[in-house]
């Protein structure tokens, strides 16, 4: 299968996740992941709380892609204008990332991760919705 990435598709071998085990999923509006150590802090919190997958809002990383950080895989979707604003992400344990079948960075506010699993596959959607102060254009997007 192919995983979406900047500059083309990357072929990978996918391990099917067996859903007989509990999967712990959380979300966090981190306000920004630009400062040194913020991503490590999020990973440390995940580890302490035994969270396998964490959706993140306001990452503020431009572009879209994935990175391997401290035994975790970080998938992110940000602005395409180079600005450090908005942005969503999904951080997961390295073991969980072996089941990723597809990563679709839709926009700076929406992304999708598809996991191969039994008895059914799992779609995880991370959304960062505009506030009531958002422009009509942002709300429509």
Protein backbone atom coordinates (compact mmCIF):
# COMPACT_ATOMS: atom_id res chain seq x y z
CA UNK A 1 0.00 0.00 0.00
CA UNK A 2 1.08 3.61 -0.31
CA UNK A 3 1.31 6.28 2.34
CA UNK A 4 0.81 9.90 1.29
CA UNK A 5 3.90 12.00 1.81
CA UNK A 6 5.29 15.26 0.50
CA UNK A 7 6.86 14.58 -2.87
CA UNK A 8 5.04 11.34 -3.66
CA UNK A 9 3.99 8.00 -2.31
CA UNK A 10 6.07 5.76 -0.11
CA UNK A 11 5.52 2.01 -0.25
CA UNK A 12 5.32 0.20 3.07
CA UNK A 13 4.52 -3.17 4.57
CA UNK A 14 1.52 -2.97 6.88
CA UNK A 15 0.94 -5.15 9.94
CA UNK A 16 -2.73 -5.86 10.70
CA UNK A 17 -3.63 -4.68 14.21
CA UNK A 18 -5.55 -7.20 16.34
CA UNK A 19 -8.25 -5.37 18.26
CA UNK A 20 -8.46 -7.88 21.10
CA UNK A 21 -6.24 -5.54 23.09
CA UNK A 22 -7.38 -2.20 24.45
CA UNK A 23 -6.33 0.79 22.36
CA UNK A 24 -6.16 4.04 24.32
CA UNK A 25 -6.83 7.17 22.25
CA UNK A 26 -6.66 10.78 23.45
CA UNK A 27 -6.72 14.34 22.12
CA UNK A 28 -4.86 17.47 23.14
CA UNK A 29 -4.89 21.09 21.95
CA UNK A 30 -1.20 21.79 22.49
CA UNK A 31 -1.41 25.46 21.35
CA UNK A 32 1.94 24.97 19.56
CA UNK A 33 4.63 22.35 19.00
CA UNK A 34 7.17 24.86 17.72
CA UNK A 35 9.14 25.26 20.96
CA UNK A 36 12.03 22.95 21.76
CA UNK A 37 10.90 20.01 23.88
CA UNK A 38 7.13 20.36 23.31
CA UNK A 39 6.85 17.17 21.23
CA UNK A 40 8.92 15.27 23.81
CA UNK A 41 6.59 16.58 26.54
CA UNK A 42 3.54 15.29 24.63
CA UNK A 43 5.21 11.89 24.14
CA UNK A 44 6.11 11.75 27.85
CA UNK A 45 2.47 12.46 28.78
CA UNK A 46 1.30 9.74 26.37
CA UNK A 47 3.69 7.25 27.94
CA UNK A 48 2.67 8.14 31.52
CA UNK A 49 -1.04 7.83 30.66
CA UNK A 50 -0.51 4.68 28.56
CA UNK A 51 -2.03 6.33 25.45
CA UNK A 52 -1.37 4.55 22.15
CA UNK A 53 -2.72 7.22 19.79
CA UNK A 54 -3.12 10.94 20.44
CA UNK A 55 -4.78 13.49 18.17
CA UNK A 56 -3.18 16.93 18.40
CA UNK A 57 -4.59 20.35 17.47
CA UNK A 58 -2.65 23.58 16.81
CA UNK A 59 0.66 21.85 16.08
CA UNK A 60 1.76 24.82 13.96
CA UNK A 61 4.13 22.73 11.83
CA UNK A 62 4.04 23.83 8.17
CA UNK A 63 3.57 21.29 5.40
CA UNK A 64 2.56 17.66 5.81
CA UNK A 65 4.48 14.50 6.56
CA UNK A 66 5.66 12.18 9.28
CA UNK A 67 8.59 11.94 11.66
CA UNK A 68 9.98 9.26 13.96
CA UNK A 69 10.57 10.75 17.42
CA UNK A 70 11.48 8.78 20.56
CA UNK A 71 9.86 5.44 19.66
CA UNK A 72 6.76 7.26 18.39
CA UNK A 73 5.56 8.17 14.91
CA UNK A 74 4.23 11.70 14.38
CA UNK A 75 1.95 12.38 11.39
CA UNK A 76 1.12 16.04 10.73
CA UNK A 77 -0.83 18.25 8.34
CA UNK A 78 -0.21 21.99 8.41
CA UNK A 79 -0.43 25.06 6.23
CA UNK A 80 1.08 25.03 2.76
CA UNK A 81 2.06 28.71 2.90
CA UNK A 82 5.03 28.10 5.23
CA UNK A 83 3.38 29.91 8.15
CA UNK A 84 3.48 28.38 11.62
CA UNK A 85 -0.26 28.43 12.32
CA UNK A 86 -3.14 25.97 12.67
CA UNK A 87 -2.10 22.38 11.99
CA UNK A 88 -3.23 18.98 13.20
CA UNK A 89 -1.31 15.84 14.04
CA UNK A 90 -1.56 12.30 15.27
CA UNK A 91 1.15 10.82 17.49
CA UNK A 92 1.24 7.06 17.98
CA UNK A 93 3.51 4.44 19.44
CA UNK A 94 5.93 2.81 17.03
CA UNK A 95 4.12 -0.52 17.51
CA UNK A 96 0.78 1.07 16.58
CA UNK A 97 2.33 2.80 13.55
CA UNK A 98 3.15 -0.61 12.03
CA UNK A 99 -0.59 -0.93 11.31
CA UNK A 100 -0.89 2.39 9.43
CA UNK A 101 -2.20 1.68 5.94
CA UNK A 102 -2.77 5.26 4.78
CA UNK A 103 -2.09 8.84 5.88
CA UNK A 104 -4.17 11.54 4.20
CA UNK A 105 -3.28 15.16 5.08
CA UNK A 106 -6.47 16.92 3.92
CA UNK A 107 -5.73 20.47 5.11
CA UNK A 108 -4.24 22.43 8.01
CA UNK A 109 -7.43 21.55 9.92
CA UNK A 110 -8.17 17.94 8.88
CA UNK A 111 -6.19 14.71 8.52
CA UNK A 112 -6.96 11.01 8.36
CA UNK A 113 -5.01 7.93 9.42
CA UNK A 114 -6.24 4.51 8.31
CA UNK A 115 -5.19 1.48 10.36
CA UNK A 116 -5.38 -2.12 9.21
CA UNK A 117 -7.10 -4.05 11.99
CA UNK A 118 -9.20 -7.12 12.79
CA UNK A 119 -12.14 -7.58 12.76
CA UNK A 120 -12.47 -4.23 10.90
CA UNK A 121 -10.09 -1.48 9.81
CA UNK A 122 -9.98 1.74 11.86
CA UNK A 123 -10.14 5.33 10.56
CA UNK A 124 -8.87 8.07 12.87
CA UNK A 125 -9.77 11.62 11.87
CA UNK A 126 -8.18 14.61 13.60
CA UNK A 127 -10.02 17.90 13.14
CA UNK A 128 -9.24 21.40 14.42
CA UNK A 129 -12.46 23.38 13.95
CA UNK A 130 -12.49 27.18 13.85
CA UNK A 131 -13.87 29.01 16.87
CA UNK A 132 -17.00 31.15 16.73
CA UNK A 133 -14.67 34.10 16.06
CA UNK A 134 -13.47 32.41 12.86
CA UNK A 135 -14.26 34.03 9.52
CA UNK A 136 -17.17 32.70 7.46
CA UNK A 137 -14.60 31.40 4.95
CA UNK A 138 -12.81 29.40 7.68
CA UNK A 139 -16.08 27.94 8.94
CA UNK A 140 -17.14 26.91 5.41
CA UNK A 141 -13.75 25.29 4.74
